[in-house]
PDB file of N, CA and C in Angstrom:
ATOM      1  N   MET A   1      21.032  15.436 206.759  1.00  0.00           N
ATOM      2  CA  MET A   1      20.095  15.706 205.681  1.00  0.00           C
ATOM      3  C   MET A   1      19.279  16.938 206.086  1.00  0.00           C
ATOM      4  N   SER A   2      19.137  17.853 205.144  1.00  0.00           N
ATOM      5  CA  SER A   2      18.424  19.096 205.462  1.00  0.00           C
ATOM      6  C   SER A   2      16.921  18.861 205.531  1.00  0.00           C
ATOM      7  N   PRO A   3      16.195  19.717 206.244  1.00  0.00           N
ATOM      8  CA  PRO A   3      14.741  19.572 206.368  1.00  0.00           C
ATOM      9  C   PRO A   3      14.022  19.634 205.024  1.00  0.00           C
ATOM     10  N   LYS A   4      14.515  20.429 204.084  1.00  0.00           N
ATOM     11  CA  LYS A   4      13.883  20.522 202.753  1.00  0.00           C
ATOM     12  C   LYS A   4      13.991  19.190 202.016  1.00  0.00           C
ATOM     13  N   ILE A   5      15.145  18.573 202.069  1.00  0.00           N
ATOM     14  CA  ILE A   5      15.353  17.296 201.384  1.00  0.00           C
ATOM     15  C   ILE A   5      14.479  16.222 202.036  1.00  0.00           C
ATOM     16  N   LYS A   6      14.392  16.233 203.354  1.00  0.00           N
ATOM     17  CA  LYS A   6      13.534  15.274 204.045  1.00  0.00           C
ATOM     18  C   LYS A   6      12.074  15.439 203.620  1.00  0.00           C
ATOM     19  N   MET A   7      11.638  16.690 203.534  1.00  0.00           N
ATOM     20  CA  MET A   7      10.246  16.963 203.150  1.00  0.00           C
ATOM     21  C   MET A   7       9.979  16.497 201.720  1.00  0.00           C
ATOM     22  N   VAL A   8      10.887  16.780 200.804  1.00  0.00           N
ATOM     23  CA  VAL A   8      10.735  16.350 199.415  1.00  0.00           C
ATOM     24  C   VAL A   8      10.718  14.824 199.345  1.00  0.00           C
ATOM     25  N   LEU A   9      11.587  14.188 200.096  1.00  0.00           N
ATOM     26  CA  LEU A   9      11.649  12.732 200.121  1.00  0.00           C
ATOM     27  C   LEU A   9      10.349  12.139 200.679  1.00  0.00           C
ATOM     28  N   ILE A  10       9.825  12.712 201.738  1.00  0.00           N
ATOM     29  CA  ILE A  10       8.565  12.242 202.324  1.00  0.00           C
ATOM     30  C   ILE A  10       7.418  12.407 201.335  1.00  0.00           C
ATOM     31  N   ILE A  11       7.357  13.537 200.660  1.00  0.00           N
ATOM     32  CA  ILE A  11       6.303  13.772 199.672  1.00  0.00           C
ATOM     33  C   ILE A  11       6.432  12.784 198.516  1.00  0.00           C
ATOM     34  N   PHE A  12       7.637  12.557 198.045  1.00  0.00           N
ATOM     35  CA  PHE A  12       7.862  11.636 196.939  1.00  0.00           C
ATOM     36  C   PHE A  12       7.438  10.215 197.319  1.00  0.00           C
ATOM     37  N   VAL A  13       7.859   9.751 198.475  1.00  0.00           N
ATOM     38  CA  VAL A  13       7.504   8.405 198.926  1.00  0.00           C
ATOM     39  C   VAL A  13       5.989   8.289 199.100  1.00  0.00           C
ATOM     40  N   SER A  14       5.361   9.323 199.638  1.00  0.00           N
ATOM     41  CA  SER A  14       3.905   9.313 199.811  1.00  0.00           C
ATOM     42  C   SER A  14       3.185   9.198 198.474  1.00  0.00           C
ATOM     43  N   LEU A  15       3.641   9.940 197.482  1.00  0.00           N
ATOM     44  CA  LEU A  15       3.028   9.881 196.155  1.00  0.00           C
ATOM     45  C   LEU A  15       3.202   8.502 195.519  1.00  0.00           C
ATOM     46  N   VAL A  16       4.371   7.935 195.667  1.00  0.00           N
ATOM     47  CA  VAL A  16       4.618   6.595 195.109  1.00  0.00           C
ATOM     48  C   VAL A  16       3.694   5.578 195.762  1.00  0.00           C
ATOM     49  N   LEU A  17       3.560   5.643 197.068  1.00  0.00           N
ATOM     50  CA  LEU A  17       2.680   4.708 197.770  1.00  0.00           C
ATOM     51  C   LEU A  17       1.223   4.914 197.380  1.00  0.00           C
ATOM     52  N   LEU A  18       0.815   6.154 197.212  1.00  0.00           N
ATOM     53  CA  LEU A  18      -0.561   6.450 196.820  1.00  0.00           C
ATOM     54  C   LEU A  18      -0.868   5.902 195.431  1.00  0.00           C
ATOM     55  N   VAL A  19       0.024   6.152 194.490  1.00  0.00           N
ATOM     56  CA  VAL A  19      -0.186   5.684 193.117  1.00  0.00           C
ATOM     57  C   VAL A  19      -0.172   4.161 193.055  1.00  0.00           C
ATOM     58  N   SER A  20       0.766   3.527 193.734  1.00  0.00           N
ATOM     59  CA  SER A  20       0.819   2.058 193.695  1.00  0.00           C
ATOM     60  C   SER A  20      -0.390   1.455 194.395  1.00  0.00           C
ATOM     61  N   GLY A  21      -0.891   2.083 195.432  1.00  0.00           N
ATOM     62  CA  GLY A  21      -2.091   1.604 196.108  1.00  0.00           C
ATOM     63  C   GLY A  21      -3.301   1.668 195.212  1.00  0.00           C
ATOM     64  N   CYS A  22      -3.427   2.747 194.442  1.00  0.00           N
ATOM     65  CA  CYS A  22      -4.548   2.874 193.501  1.00  0.00           C
ATOM     66  C   CYS A  22      -4.458   1.822 192.406  1.00  0.00           C
ATOM     67  N   ALA A  23      -3.262   1.549 191.927  1.00  0.00           N
ATOM     68  CA  ALA A  23      -3.080   0.538 190.871  1.00  0.00           C
ATOM     69  C   ALA A  23      -3.458  -0.840 191.384  1.00  0.00           C
ATOM     70  N   ILE A  24      -3.103  -1.146 192.613  1.00  0.00           N
ATOM     71  CA  ILE A  24      -3.444  -2.448 193.185  1.00  0.00           C
ATOM     72  C   ILE A  24      -4.948  -2.573 193.343  1.00  0.00           C
ATOM     73  N   THR A  25      -5.595  -1.512 193.814  1.00  0.00           N
ATOM     74  CA  THR A  25      -7.051  -1.519 193.970  1.00  0.00           C
ATOM     75  C   THR A  25      -7.737  -1.737 192.626  1.00  0.00           C
ATOM     76  N   TYR A  26      -7.250  -1.076 191.582  1.00  0.00           N
ATOM     77  CA  TYR A  26      -7.805  -1.212 190.236  1.00  0.00           C
ATOM     78  C   TYR A  26      -7.665  -2.650 189.748  1.00  0.00           C
ATOM     79  N   GLN A  27      -6.500  -3.252 189.985  1.00  0.00           N
ATOM     80  CA  GLN A  27      -6.258  -4.626 189.545  1.00  0.00           C
ATOM     81  C   GLN A  27      -7.154  -5.609 190.289  1.00  0.00           C
ATOM     82  N   VAL A  28      -7.337  -5.412 191.581  1.00  0.00           N
ATOM     83  CA  VAL A  28      -8.205  -6.290 192.366  1.00  0.00           C
ATOM     84  C   VAL A  28      -9.643  -6.180 191.864  1.00  0.00           C
ATOM     85  N   LYS A  29     -10.095  -4.969 191.578  1.00  0.00           N
ATOM     86  CA  LYS A  29     -11.451  -4.769 191.063  1.00  0.00           C
ATOM     87  C   LYS A  29     -11.631  -5.497 189.731  1.00  0.00           C
ATOM     88  N   ASN A  30     -10.661  -5.356 188.842  1.00  0.00           N
ATOM     89  CA  ASN A  30     -10.742  -6.037 187.546  1.00  0.00           C
ATOM     90  C   ASN A  30     -10.747  -7.553 187.709  1.00  0.00           C
ATOM     91  N   ASN A  31      -9.921  -8.072 188.610  1.00  0.00           N
ATOM     92  CA  ASN A  31      -9.897  -9.519 188.847  1.00  0.00           C
ATOM     93  C   ASN A  31     -11.238 -10.007 189.364  1.00  0.00           C
ATOM     94  N   ASN A  32     -11.882  -9.236 190.230  1.00  0.00           N
ATOM     95  CA  ASN A  32     -13.196  -9.619 190.749  1.00  0.00           C
ATOM     96  C   ASN A  32     -14.245  -9.633 189.647  1.00  0.00           C
ATOM     97  N   ILE A  33     -14.171  -8.671 188.725  1.00  0.00           N
ATOM     98  CA  ILE A  33     -15.103  -8.636 187.589  1.00  0.00           C
ATOM     99  C   ILE A  33     -14.920  -9.882 186.729  1.00  0.00           C
ATOM    100  N   VAL A  34     -13.679 -10.234 186.429  1.00  0.00           N
ATOM    101  CA  VAL A  34     -13.394 -11.410 185.603  1.00  0.00           C
ATOM    102  C   VAL A  34     -13.859 -12.683 186.312  1.00  0.00           C
ATOM    103  N   LYS A  35     -13.612 -12.774 187.607  1.00  0.00           N
ATOM    104  CA  LYS A  35     -14.035 -13.963 188.360  1.00  0.00           C
ATOM    105  C   LYS A  35     -15.553 -14.122 188.359  1.00  0.00           C
ATOM    106  N   LYS A  36     -16.273 -13.015 188.395  1.00  0.00           N
ATOM    107  CA  LYS A  36     -17.729 -13.101 188.397  1.00  0.00           C
ATOM    108  C   LYS A  36     -18.274 -13.392 186.996  1.00  0.00           C
ATOM    109  N   ALA A  37     -17.622 -12.879 185.959  1.00  0.00           N
ATOM    110  CA  ALA A  37     -18.089 -13.067 184.583  1.00  0.00           C
ATOM    111  C   ALA A  37     -17.763 -14.458 184.031  1.00  0.00           C
ATOM    112  N   THR A  38     -16.696 -15.063 184.496  1.00  0.00           N
ATOM    113  CA  THR A  38     -16.251 -16.344 183.940  1.00  0.00           C
ATOM    114  C   THR A  38     -17.302 -17.452 184.044  1.00  0.00           C
ATOM    115  N   PRO A  39     -17.892 -17.716 185.208  1.00  0.00           N
ATOM    116  CA  PRO A  39     -18.901 -18.780 185.248  1.00  0.00           C
ATOM    117  C   PRO A  39     -20.145 -18.456 184.424  1.00  0.00           C
ATOM    118  N   ILE A  40     -20.456 -17.180 184.287  1.00  0.00           N
ATOM    119  CA  ILE A  40     -21.593 -16.779 183.448  1.00  0.00           C
ATOM    120  C   ILE A  40     -21.298 -17.141 181.998  1.00  0.00           C
ATOM    121  N   ALA A  41     -20.076 -16.873 181.549  1.00  0.00           N
ATOM    122  CA  ALA A  41     -19.681 -17.191 180.175  1.00  0.00           C
ATOM    123  C   ALA A  41     -19.645 -18.701 179.944  1.00  0.00           C
ATOM    124  N   ILE A  42     -19.125 -19.436 180.905  1.00  0.00           N
ATOM    125  CA  ILE A  42     -19.077 -20.897 180.769  1.00  0.00           C
ATOM    126  C   ILE A  42     -20.480 -21.457 180.607  1.00  0.00           C
ATOM    127  N   GLU A  43     -21.387 -21.025 181.450  1.00  0.00           N
ATOM    128  CA  GLU A  43     -22.772 -21.500 181.386  1.00  0.00           C
ATOM    129  C   GLU A  43     -23.441 -21.071 180.074  1.00  0.00           C
ATOM    130  N   TYR A  44     -23.151 -19.857 179.614  1.00  0.00           N
ATOM    131  CA  TYR A  44     -23.734 -19.366 178.362  1.00  0.00           C
ATOM    132  C   TYR A  44     -23.326 -20.260 177.194  1.00  0.00           C
ATOM    133  N   PHE A  45     -22.026 -20.561 177.090  1.00  0.00           N
ATOM    134  CA  PHE A  45     -21.559 -21.415 175.991  1.00  0.00           C
ATOM    135  C   PHE A  45     -22.126 -22.826 176.103  1.00  0.00           C
ATOM    136  N   LYS A  46     -22.225 -23.324 177.313  1.00  0.00           N
ATOM    137  CA  LYS A  46     -22.743 -24.676 177.505  1.00  0.00           C
ATOM    138  C   LYS A  46     -24.221 -24.759 177.128  1.00  0.00           C
ATOM    139  N   SER A  47     -25.019 -23.802 177.573  1.00  0.00           N
ATOM    140  CA  SER A  47     -26.460 -23.862 177.314  1.00  0.00           C
ATOM    141  C   SER A  47     -26.827 -23.425 175.896  1.00  0.00           C
ATOM    142  N   LYS A  48     -26.134 -22.440 175.363  1.00  0.00           N
ATOM    143  CA  LYS A  48     -26.496 -21.894 174.044  1.00  0.00           C
ATOM    144  C   LYS A  48     -25.874 -22.681 172.890  1.00  0.00           C
ATOM    145  N   TYR A  49     -24.619 -23.130 173.052  1.00  0.00           N
ATOM    146  CA  TYR A  49     -23.902 -23.774 171.947  1.00  0.00           C
ATOM    147  C   TYR A  49     -23.471 -25.213 172.260  1.00  0.00           C
ATOM    148  N   ASN A  50     -23.731 -25.678 173.470  1.00  0.00           N
ATOM    149  CA  ASN A  50     -23.388 -27.024 173.895  1.00  0.00           C
ATOM    150  C   ASN A  50     -21.894 -27.324 173.715  1.00  0.00           C
ATOM    151  N   VAL A  51     -21.048 -26.382 174.139  1.00  0.00           N
ATOM    152  CA  VAL A  51     -19.597 -26.566 174.094  1.00  0.00           C
ATOM    153  C   VAL A  51     -19.001 -26.207 175.450  1.00  0.00           C
ATOM    154  N   THR A  52     -17.896 -26.847 175.753  1.00  0.00           N
ATOM    155  CA  THR A  52     -17.115 -26.522 176.938  1.00  0.00           C
ATOM    156  C   THR A  52     -15.949 -25.665 176.491  1.00  0.00           C
ATOM    157  N   VAL A  53     -15.671 -24.616 177.237  1.00  0.00           N
ATOM    158  CA  VAL A  53     -14.670 -23.641 176.811  1.00  0.00           C
ATOM    159  C   VAL A  53     -13.586 -23.467 177.865  1.00  0.00           C
ATOM    160  N   LYS A  54     -12.448 -22.975 177.422  1.00  0.00           N
ATOM    161  CA  LYS A  54     -11.326 -22.607 178.282  1.00  0.00           C
ATOM    162  C   LYS A  54     -10.986 -21.150 177.985  1.00  0.00           C
ATOM    163  N   PHE A  55     -10.688 -20.389 179.021  1.00  0.00           N
ATOM    164  CA  PHE A  55     -10.353 -18.978 178.841  1.00  0.00           C
ATOM    165  C   PHE A  55      -8.849 -18.764 178.932  1.00  0.00           C
ATOM    166  N   THR A  56      -8.360 -17.885 178.073  1.00  0.00           N
ATOM    167  CA  THR A  56      -6.926 -17.615 178.020  1.00  0.00           C
ATOM    168  C   THR A  56      -6.575 -16.186 178.380  1.00  0.00           C
ATOM    169  N   ASP A  57      -7.530 -15.263 178.242  1.00  0.00           N
ATOM    170  CA  ASP A  57      -7.225 -13.853 178.483  1.00  0.00           C
ATOM    171  C   ASP A  57      -8.520 -13.101 178.762  1.00  0.00           C
ATOM    172  N   SER A  58      -8.370 -11.900 179.258  1.00  0.00           N
ATOM    173  CA  SER A  58      -9.537 -11.048 179.506  1.00  0.00           C
ATOM    174  C   SER A  58      -9.139  -9.587 179.371  1.00  0.00           C
ATOM    175  N   GLN A  59     -10.138  -8.761 179.155  1.00  0.00           N
ATOM    176  CA  GLN A  59      -9.924  -7.322 179.059  1.00  0.00           C
ATOM    177  C   GLN A  59     -11.122  -6.630 179.699  1.00  0.00           C
ATOM    178  N   VAL A  60     -10.857  -5.833 180.725  1.00  0.00           N
ATOM    179  CA  VAL A  60     -11.911  -5.082 181.398  1.00  0.00           C
ATOM    180  C   VAL A  60     -11.823  -3.637 180.928  1.00  0.00           C
ATOM    181  N   PHE A  61     -12.924  -3.137 180.361  1.00  0.00           N
ATOM    182  CA  PHE A  61     -12.961  -1.769 179.880  1.00  0.00           C
ATOM    183  C   PHE A  61     -13.419  -0.840 180.997  1.00  0.00           C
ATOM    184  N   PRO A  62     -12.864   0.358 181.062  1.00  0.00           N
ATOM    185  CA  PRO A  62     -13.329   1.315 182.071  1.00  0.00           C
ATOM    186  C   PRO A  62     -14.784   1.715 181.794  1.00  0.00           C
ATOM    187  N   GLY A  63     -15.506   2.030 182.839  1.00  0.00           N
ATOM    188  CA  GLY A  63     -16.917   2.384 182.721  1.00  0.00           C
ATOM    189  C   GLY A  63     -17.193   3.568 181.818  1.00  0.00           C
ATOM    190  N   TYR A  64     -16.256   4.512 181.713  1.00  0.00           N
ATOM    191  CA  TYR A  64     -16.486   5.677 180.862  1.00  0.00           C
ATOM    192  C   TYR A  64     -16.355   5.341 179.383  1.00  0.00           C
ATOM    193  N   ILE A  65     -15.783   4.197 179.057  1.00  0.00           N
ATOM    194  CA  ILE A  65     -15.708   3.754 177.661  1.00  0.00           C
ATOM    195  C   ILE A  65     -16.868   2.818 177.373  1.00  0.00           C
ATOM    196  N   ASP A  66     -16.932   1.725 178.103  1.00  0.00           N
ATOM    197  CA  ASP A  66     -17.993   0.729 177.944  1.00  0.00           C
ATOM    198  C   ASP A  66     -17.898  -0.226 179.126  1.00  0.00           C
ATOM    199  N   SER A  67     -18.936  -0.398 179.855  1.00  0.00           N
ATOM    200  CA  SER A  67     -18.922  -1.239 181.064  1.00  0.00           C
ATOM    201  C   SER A  67     -18.982  -2.710 180.680  1.00  0.00           C
ATOM    202  N   LYS A  68     -17.886  -3.198 180.132  1.00  0.00           N
ATOM    203  CA  LYS A  68     -17.883  -4.597 179.719  1.00  0.00           C
ATOM    204  C   LYS A  68     -16.536  -5.236 180.014  1.00  0.00           C
ATOM    205  N   VAL A  69     -16.601  -6.545 180.140  1.00  0.00           N
ATOM    206  CA  VAL A  69     -15.409  -7.375 180.222  1.00  0.00           C
ATOM    207  C   VAL A  69     -15.480  -8.323 179.033  1.00  0.00           C
ATOM    208  N   VAL A  70     -14.375  -8.457 178.336  1.00  0.00           N
ATOM    209  CA  VAL A  70     -14.302  -9.379 177.206  1.00  0.00           C
ATOM    210  C   VAL A  70     -13.391 -10.528 177.620  1.00  0.00           C
ATOM    211  N   LEU A  71     -13.930 -11.735 177.518  1.00  0.00           N
ATOM    212  CA  LEU A  71     -13.163 -12.938 177.817  1.00  0.00           C
ATOM    213  C   LEU A  71     -12.789 -13.617 176.507  1.00  0.00           C
ATOM    214  N   TYR A  72     -11.548 -14.031 176.402  1.00  0.00           N
ATOM    215  CA  TYR A  72     -11.038 -14.695 175.200  1.00  0.00           C
ATOM    216  C   TYR A  72     -10.670 -16.127 175.551  1.00  0.00           C
ATOM    217  N   GLY A  73     -10.886 -17.024 174.613  1.00  0.00           N
ATOM    218  CA  GLY A  73     -10.529 -18.410 174.878  1.00  0.00           C
ATOM    219  C   GLY A  73     -10.707 -19.291 173.669  1.00  0.00           C
ATOM    220  N   TYR A  74     -10.844 -20.582 173.940  1.00  0.00           N
ATOM    221  CA  TYR A  74     -11.001 -21.560 172.868  1.00  0.00           C
ATOM    222  C   TYR A  74     -11.941 -22.664 173.325  1.00  0.00           C
ATOM    223  N   VAL A  75     -12.449 -23.375 172.356  1.00  0.00           N
ATOM    224  CA  VAL A  75     -13.304 -24.525 172.635  1.00  0.00           C
ATOM    225  C   VAL A  75     -12.395 -25.636 173.154  1.00  0.00           C
ATOM    226  N   GLU A  76     -12.824 -26.264 174.250  1.00  0.00           N
ATOM    227  CA  GLU A  76     -12.001 -27.299 174.884  1.00  0.00           C
ATOM    228  C   GLU A  76     -11.617 -28.382 173.882  1.00  0.00           C
ATOM    229  N   HIS A  77     -10.369 -28.803 173.930  1.00  0.00           N
ATOM    230  CA  HIS A  77      -9.784 -29.848 173.073  1.00  0.00           C
ATOM    231  C   HIS A  77      -9.484 -29.363 171.658  1.00  0.00           C
ATOM    232  N   ASP A  78      -9.672 -28.064 171.365  1.00  0.00           N
ATOM    233  CA  ASP A  78      -9.319 -27.550 170.040  1.00  0.00           C
ATOM    234  C   ASP A  78      -8.924 -26.082 170.156  1.00  0.00           C
ATOM    235  N   GLU A  79      -7.652 -25.823 170.372  1.00  0.00           N
ATOM    236  CA  GLU A  79      -7.165 -24.466 170.580  1.00  0.00           C
ATOM    237  C   GLU A  79      -7.283 -23.596 169.331  1.00  0.00           C
ATOM    238  N   ASN A  80      -7.572 -24.184 168.168  1.00  0.00           N
ATOM    239  CA  ASN A  80      -7.750 -23.405 166.941  1.00  0.00           C
ATOM    240  C   ASN A  80      -9.137 -22.790 166.847  1.00  0.00           C
ATOM    241  N   GLU A  81     -10.078 -23.287 167.634  1.00  0.00           N
ATOM    242  CA  GLU A  81     -11.454 -22.774 167.636  1.00  0.00           C
ATOM    243  C   GLU A  81     -11.591 -21.702 168.722  1.00  0.00           C
ATOM    244  N   THR A  82     -11.160 -20.490 168.387  1.00  0.00           N
ATOM    245  CA  THR A  82     -11.130 -19.413 169.375  1.00  0.00           C
ATOM    246  C   THR A  82     -12.427 -18.618 169.366  1.00  0.00           C
ATOM    247  N   PHE A  83     -12.672 -17.912 170.454  1.00  0.00           N
ATOM    248  CA  PHE A  83     -13.882 -17.110 170.592  1.00  0.00           C
ATOM    249  C   PHE A  83     -13.612 -15.939 171.532  1.00  0.00           C
ATOM    250  N   SER A  84     -14.559 -15.033 171.569  1.00  0.00           N
ATOM    251  CA  SER A  84     -14.582 -14.003 172.599  1.00  0.00           C
ATOM    252  C   SER A  84     -16.037 -13.787 172.999  1.00  0.00           C
ATOM    253  N   ILE A  85     -16.220 -13.370 174.234  1.00  0.00           N
ATOM    254  CA  ILE A  85     -17.555 -13.083 174.736  1.00  0.00           C
ATOM    255  C   ILE A  85     -17.468 -11.811 175.568  1.00  0.00           C
ATOM    256  N   ALA A  86     -18.369 -10.888 175.293  1.00  0.00           N
ATOM    257  CA  ALA A  86     -18.407  -9.626 176.032  1.00  0.00           C
ATOM    258  C   ALA A  86     -19.592  -9.652 176.987  1.00  0.00           C
ATOM    259  N   ILE A  87     -19.317  -9.300 178.231  1.00  0.00           N
ATOM    260  CA  ILE A  87     -20.343  -9.298 179.268  1.00  0.00           C
ATOM    261  C   ILE A  87     -20.355  -7.934 179.942  1.00  0.00           C
ATOM    262  N   ASN A  88     -21.537  -7.357 180.086  1.00  0.00           N
ATOM    263  CA  ASN A  88     -21.685  -6.091 180.793  1.00  0.00           C
ATOM    264  C   ASN A  88     -21.454  -6.352 182.281  1.00  0.00           C
ATOM    265  N   TYR A  89     -20.485  -5.658 182.884  1.00  0.00           N
ATOM    266  CA  TYR A  89     -20.176  -5.958 184.281  1.00  0.00           C
ATOM    267  C   TYR A  89     -21.043  -5.192 185.280  1.00  0.00           C
ATOM    268  N   ASN A  90     -22.010  -4.436 184.799  1.00  0.00           N
ATOM    269  CA  ASN A  90     -23.008  -3.846 185.699  1.00  0.00           C
ATOM    270  C   ASN A  90     -24.204  -4.784 185.851  1.00  0.00           C
ATOM    271  N   THR A  91     -24.590  -5.420 184.735  1.00  0.00           N
ATOM    272  CA  THR A  91     -25.761  -6.305 184.748  1.00  0.00           C
ATOM    273  C   THR A  91     -25.382  -7.773 184.629  1.00  0.00           C
ATOM    274  N   TYR A  92     -24.162  -8.059 184.218  1.00  0.00           N
ATOM    275  CA  TYR A  92     -23.666  -9.410 183.954  1.00  0.00           C
ATOM    276  C   TYR A  92     -24.531 -10.140 182.937  1.00  0.00           C
ATOM    277  N   GLU A  93     -24.944  -9.392 181.915  1.00  0.00           N
ATOM    278  CA  GLU A  93     -25.640  -9.973 180.767  1.00  0.00           C
ATOM    279  C   GLU A  93     -24.675 -10.012 179.597  1.00  0.00           C
ATOM    280  N   VAL A  94     -24.835 -11.025 178.746  1.00  0.00           N
ATOM    281  CA  VAL A  94     -23.959 -11.177 177.588  1.00  0.00           C
ATOM    282  C   VAL A  94     -24.307 -10.113 176.551  1.00  0.00           C
ATOM    283  N   ASN A  95     -23.298  -9.369 176.105  1.00  0.00           N
ATOM    284  CA  ASN A  95     -23.476  -8.357 175.058  1.00  0.00           C
ATOM    285  C   ASN A  95     -23.362  -8.977 173.671  1.00  0.00           C
ATOM    286  N   TYR A  96     -22.275  -9.717 173.456  1.00  0.00           N
ATOM    287  CA  TYR A  96     -22.069 -10.355 172.152  1.00  0.00           C
ATOM    288  C   TYR A  96     -21.060 -11.482 172.284  1.00  0.00           C
ATOM    289  N   VAL A  97     -21.064 -12.335 171.261  1.00  0.00           N
ATOM    290  CA  VAL A  97     -20.145 -13.468 171.188  1.00  0.00           C
ATOM    291  C   VAL A  97     -19.574 -13.511 169.779  1.00  0.00           C
ATOM    292  N   THR A  98     -18.281 -13.771 169.670  1.00  0.00           N
ATOM    293  CA  THR A  98     -17.662 -14.038 168.375  1.00  0.00           C
ATOM    294  C   THR A  98     -17.018 -15.417 168.463  1.00  0.00           C
ATOM    295  N   GLY A  99     -16.936 -16.095 167.340  1.00  0.00           N
ATOM    296  CA  GLY A  99     -16.334 -17.424 167.349  1.00  0.00           C
ATOM    297  C   GLY A  99     -16.396 -18.065 165.985  1.00  0.00           C
ATOM    298  N   PRO A 100     -16.134 -19.350 165.933  1.00  0.00           N
ATOM    299  CA  PRO A 100     -16.150 -20.062 164.658  1.00  0.00           C
ATOM    300  C   PRO A 100     -17.555 -20.107 164.069  1.00  0.00           C
ATOM    301  N   ASP A 101     -17.635 -20.132 162.755  1.00  0.00           N
ATOM    302  CA  ASP A 101     -18.935 -20.102 162.054  1.00  0.00           C
ATOM    303  C   ASP A 101     -19.854 -21.240 162.462  1.00  0.00           C
ATOM    304  N   TRP A 102     -19.295 -22.452 162.658  1.00  0.00           N
ATOM    305  CA  TRP A 102     -20.143 -23.604 162.987  1.00  0.00           C
ATOM    306  C   TRP A 102     -20.920 -23.392 164.291  1.00  0.00           C
ATOM    307  N   MET A 103     -20.371 -22.558 165.159  1.00  0.00           N
ATOM    308  CA  MET A 103     -21.022 -22.328 166.434  1.00  0.00           C
ATOM    309  C   MET A 103     -22.345 -21.581 166.267  1.00  0.00           C
ATOM    310  N   PHE A 104     -22.433 -20.759 165.225  1.00  0.00           N
ATOM    311  CA  PHE A 104     -23.610 -19.904 165.039  1.00  0.00           C
ATOM    312  C   PHE A 104     -24.570 -20.406 163.972  1.00  0.00           C
ATOM    313  N   GLU A 105     -24.271 -21.522 163.338  1.00  0.00           N
ATOM    314  CA  GLU A 105     -25.105 -22.036 162.247  1.00  0.00           C
ATOM    315  C   GLU A 105     -26.515 -22.367 162.694  1.00  0.00           C
ATOM    316  N   SER A 106     -26.699 -22.923 163.860  1.00  0.00           N
ATOM    317  CA  SER A 106     -28.047 -23.287 164.320  1.00  0.00           C
ATOM    318  C   SER A 106     -28.669 -22.166 165.168  1.00  0.00           C
ATOM    319  N   ASP A 107     -27.984 -21.052 165.281  1.00  0.00           N
ATOM    320  CA  ASP A 107     -28.421 -19.938 166.119  1.00  0.00           C
ATOM    321  C   ASP A 107     -29.614 -19.231 165.546  1.00  0.00           C
TER     322      ASP A 107
END
């Protein structure tokens, strides 16, 4: 194998490792944000609406768009009663909640 091909191969492998390392770091950071926001959301629903919830999905927005994580789920024992809750991941304060109308009637 010629030295030029070896150099190109080394550069290519280095770039692949660098990019995959950054992606893993990004995923770990997002998982940590979700793990920290989840108990806050559970407590919020329990204290504010007196319901127990289950989470099914999450979405972490980049800081340059909006520093929030949105958790999606349903009210326990009724998968048709879905909701979402947005939490600022810098302050871990609730931004907004969406859900079934009955949840907000006494609000």
